[in-house]
Amino acid sequence: MKELLRTNDAVLISYIEALMADARIDLLVLDRHASILDGSIGAIPRRLMVGDDELVAARSILRAAQIDHDAG
């Protein structure tokens, strides 16, 4: 698996999940429940992961949606 994006923005995560679901790209969100550890302050960014073979397509979808995958 490769990291597609790292962010604390829950709305952005939800949007990207919908984009990837529409494209039938499996997306795994790591550290989703880390807020239990950080007291819900969002100190630990969530990592959005895709399969190695889907990374190029997933980044293309982010570009088309004008989401900078490097900014997080």
N, C-alpha and C. Protein backbone atom coordinates (compact mmCIF):
# COMPACT_ATOMS: atom_id res chain seq x y z
N MET A 1 0.84 -1.18 0.00
CA MET A 1 0.00 0.00 0.00
C MET A 1 0.88 1.24 0.00
N LYS A 2 0.36 2.27 -0.61
CA LYS A 2 1.07 3.55 -0.71
C LYS A 2 0.19 4.65 -0.11
N GLU A 3 0.84 5.63 0.49
CA GLU A 3 0.11 6.76 1.05
C GLU A 3 -0.31 7.71 -0.05
N LEU A 4 -1.59 7.99 -0.10
CA LEU A 4 -2.14 8.92 -1.07
C LEU A 4 -2.15 10.33 -0.50
N LEU A 5 -2.52 10.46 0.76
CA LEU A 5 -2.66 11.77 1.38
C LEU A 5 -2.63 11.61 2.88
N ARG A 6 -2.20 12.66 3.56
CA ARG A 6 -2.20 12.70 5.03
C ARG A 6 -2.87 14.02 5.44
N THR A 7 -3.93 13.92 6.25
CA THR A 7 -4.67 15.12 6.62
C THR A 7 -5.44 14.92 7.92
N ASN A 8 -5.77 16.03 8.56
CA ASN A 8 -6.65 16.03 9.73
C ASN A 8 -8.06 16.45 9.37
N ASP A 9 -8.29 16.84 8.13
CA ASP A 9 -9.57 17.38 7.68
C ASP A 9 -10.58 16.25 7.44
N ALA A 10 -11.52 16.09 8.37
CA ALA A 10 -12.50 15.00 8.28
C ALA A 10 -13.41 15.15 7.06
N VAL A 11 -13.72 16.37 6.68
CA VAL A 11 -14.57 16.60 5.51
C VAL A 11 -13.83 16.18 4.24
N LEU A 12 -12.56 16.56 4.15
CA LEU A 12 -11.75 16.17 3.00
C LEU A 12 -11.63 14.66 2.91
N ILE A 13 -11.42 14.01 4.03
CA ILE A 13 -11.31 12.55 4.04
C ILE A 13 -12.60 11.92 3.51
N SER A 14 -13.73 12.41 3.98
CA SER A 14 -15.02 11.88 3.54
C SER A 14 -15.21 12.09 2.04
N TYR A 15 -14.82 13.25 1.55
CA TYR A 15 -14.94 13.55 0.12
C TYR A 15 -14.06 12.61 -0.71
N ILE A 16 -12.82 12.42 -0.26
CA ILE A 16 -11.91 11.53 -0.99
C ILE A 16 -12.41 10.09 -0.93
N GLU A 17 -12.96 9.69 0.19
CA GLU A 17 -13.54 8.34 0.28
C GLU A 17 -14.64 8.17 -0.77
N ALA A 18 -15.49 9.18 -0.95
CA ALA A 18 -16.56 9.10 -1.94
C ALA A 18 -15.99 9.07 -3.36
N LEU A 19 -14.98 9.89 -3.63
CA LEU A 19 -14.35 9.89 -4.95
C LEU A 19 -13.76 8.53 -5.29
N MET A 20 -13.06 7.95 -4.34
CA MET A 20 -12.42 6.65 -4.58
C MET A 20 -13.46 5.54 -4.70
N ALA A 21 -14.52 5.61 -3.93
CA ALA A 21 -15.59 4.62 -4.03
C ALA A 21 -16.23 4.68 -5.41
N ASP A 22 -16.48 5.89 -5.91
CA ASP A 22 -17.05 6.06 -7.25
C ASP A 22 -16.15 5.47 -8.32
N ALA A 23 -14.84 5.55 -8.11
CA ALA A 23 -13.87 5.03 -9.07
C ALA A 23 -13.54 3.56 -8.81
N ARG A 24 -14.17 2.99 -7.80
CA ARG A 24 -13.93 1.59 -7.40
C ARG A 24 -12.47 1.35 -7.02
N ILE A 25 -11.90 2.34 -6.36
CA ILE A 25 -10.54 2.22 -5.84
C ILE A 25 -10.65 2.00 -4.33
N ASP A 26 -10.06 0.92 -3.86
CA ASP A 26 -10.08 0.62 -2.43
C ASP A 26 -9.22 1.63 -1.69
N LEU A 27 -9.77 2.21 -0.66
CA LEU A 27 -9.08 3.22 0.15
C LEU A 27 -9.11 2.77 1.59
N LEU A 28 -7.98 2.83 2.24
CA LEU A 28 -7.88 2.50 3.66
C LEU A 28 -7.46 3.75 4.40
N VAL A 29 -8.21 4.12 5.44
CA VAL A 29 -7.86 5.29 6.25
C VAL A 29 -7.22 4.78 7.54
N LEU A 30 -5.94 5.05 7.67
CA LEU A 30 -5.21 4.65 8.88
C LEU A 30 -5.27 5.76 9.90
N ASP A 31 -5.21 5.42 11.15
CA ASP A 31 -5.19 6.36 12.27
C ASP A 31 -6.53 7.06 12.46
N ARG A 32 -7.60 6.51 11.90
CA ARG A 32 -8.92 7.12 12.01
C ARG A 32 -9.35 7.24 13.47
N HIS A 33 -9.02 6.25 14.27
CA HIS A 33 -9.45 6.24 15.66
C HIS A 33 -8.36 6.72 16.62
N ALA A 34 -7.35 7.36 16.08
CA ALA A 34 -6.26 7.87 16.91
C ALA A 34 -6.71 9.04 17.79
N SER A 35 -7.87 9.62 17.47
CA SER A 35 -8.36 10.73 18.29
C SER A 35 -8.62 10.29 19.71
N ILE A 36 -8.83 9.01 19.92
CA ILE A 36 -8.98 8.49 21.28
C ILE A 36 -7.70 8.73 22.06
N LEU A 37 -6.59 8.61 21.38
CA LEU A 37 -5.29 8.78 22.03
C LEU A 37 -4.88 10.24 22.18
N ASP A 38 -5.26 11.07 21.20
CA ASP A 38 -4.83 12.47 21.25
C ASP A 38 -5.89 13.40 21.82
N GLY A 39 -6.94 12.85 22.42
CA GLY A 39 -7.95 13.68 23.07
C GLY A 39 -8.85 14.42 22.10
N SER A 40 -9.02 13.91 20.89
CA SER A 40 -9.89 14.49 19.87
C SER A 40 -9.44 15.88 19.41
N ILE A 41 -8.15 16.19 19.55
CA ILE A 41 -7.67 17.50 19.10
C ILE A 41 -7.14 17.45 17.67
N GLY A 42 -7.11 16.26 17.08
CA GLY A 42 -6.67 16.14 15.69
C GLY A 42 -5.17 16.29 15.51
N ALA A 43 -4.41 15.94 16.50
CA ALA A 43 -2.95 16.08 16.41
C ALA A 43 -2.32 15.03 15.53
N ILE A 44 -2.98 13.92 15.35
CA ILE A 44 -2.43 12.83 14.54
C ILE A 44 -3.15 12.81 13.20
N PRO A 45 -2.43 13.14 12.12
CA PRO A 45 -3.06 13.14 10.80
C PRO A 45 -3.51 11.74 10.39
N ARG A 46 -4.61 11.66 9.68
CA ARG A 46 -5.10 10.40 9.14
C ARG A 46 -4.38 10.16 7.83
N ARG A 47 -4.00 8.91 7.60
CA ARG A 47 -3.29 8.55 6.36
C ARG A 47 -4.24 7.78 5.46
N LEU A 48 -4.39 8.27 4.24
CA LEU A 48 -5.24 7.62 3.25
C LEU A 48 -4.34 6.79 2.35
N MET A 49 -4.60 5.49 2.33
CA MET A 49 -3.75 4.55 1.64
C MET A 49 -4.51 3.87 0.50
N VAL A 50 -3.80 3.62 -0.60
CA VAL A 50 -4.35 2.87 -1.73
C VAL A 50 -3.34 1.80 -2.12
N GLY A 51 -3.81 0.84 -2.88
CA GLY A 51 -2.93 -0.21 -3.37
C GLY A 51 -1.87 0.35 -4.29
N ASP A 52 -0.72 -0.30 -4.31
CA ASP A 52 0.40 0.16 -5.15
C ASP A 52 -0.04 0.36 -6.60
N ASP A 53 -0.85 -0.56 -7.12
CA ASP A 53 -1.26 -0.52 -8.51
C ASP A 53 -2.37 0.51 -8.78
N GLU A 54 -2.91 1.12 -7.73
CA GLU A 54 -3.98 2.11 -7.90
C GLU A 54 -3.53 3.54 -7.59
N LEU A 55 -2.28 3.71 -7.22
CA LEU A 55 -1.78 5.02 -6.80
C LEU A 55 -1.87 6.06 -7.92
N VAL A 56 -1.44 5.71 -9.11
CA VAL A 56 -1.46 6.66 -10.22
C VAL A 56 -2.89 7.10 -10.53
N ALA A 57 -3.81 6.16 -10.58
CA ALA A 57 -5.22 6.49 -10.85
C ALA A 57 -5.80 7.34 -9.74
N ALA A 58 -5.49 7.01 -8.49
CA ALA A 58 -6.01 7.78 -7.35
C ALA A 58 -5.48 9.21 -7.36
N ARG A 59 -4.21 9.39 -7.67
CA ARG A 59 -3.65 10.75 -7.75
C ARG A 59 -4.28 11.54 -8.89
N SER A 60 -4.56 10.86 -9.98
CA SER A 60 -5.22 11.52 -11.10
C SER A 60 -6.61 12.01 -10.70
N ILE A 61 -7.32 11.22 -9.92
CA ILE A 61 -8.65 11.62 -9.44
C ILE A 61 -8.52 12.83 -8.52
N LEU A 62 -7.52 12.85 -7.66
CA LEU A 62 -7.32 14.01 -6.77
C LEU A 62 -7.01 15.26 -7.58
N ARG A 63 -6.17 15.14 -8.61
CA ARG A 63 -5.86 16.29 -9.46
C ARG A 63 -7.11 16.80 -10.15
N ALA A 64 -7.92 15.89 -10.67
CA ALA A 64 -9.16 16.29 -11.36
C ALA A 64 -10.12 17.01 -10.41
N ALA A 65 -10.07 16.63 -9.13
CA ALA A 65 -10.92 17.28 -8.13
C ALA A 65 -10.24 18.49 -7.50
N GLN A 66 -9.09 18.86 -8.04
CA GLN A 66 -8.29 19.99 -7.57
C GLN A 66 -7.91 19.87 -6.09
N ILE A 67 -7.52 18.65 -5.72
CA ILE A 67 -7.02 18.38 -4.37
C ILE A 67 -5.53 18.14 -4.49
N ASP A 68 -4.75 18.94 -3.80
CA ASP A 68 -3.30 18.81 -3.83
C ASP A 68 -2.89 17.68 -2.90
N HIS A 69 -2.49 16.55 -3.48
CA HIS A 69 -2.15 15.39 -2.66
C HIS A 69 -0.86 15.59 -1.88
N ASP A 70 -0.08 16.62 -2.21
CA ASP A 70 1.15 16.88 -1.46
C ASP A 70 0.90 17.79 -0.25
N ALA A 71 -0.18 18.53 -0.28
CA ALA A 71 -0.44 19.50 0.78
C ALA A 71 -1.04 18.87 2.02
N GLY A 72 -1.97 17.93 1.83
CA GLY A 72 -2.62 17.30 2.97
C GLY A 72 -3.24 18.32 3.82
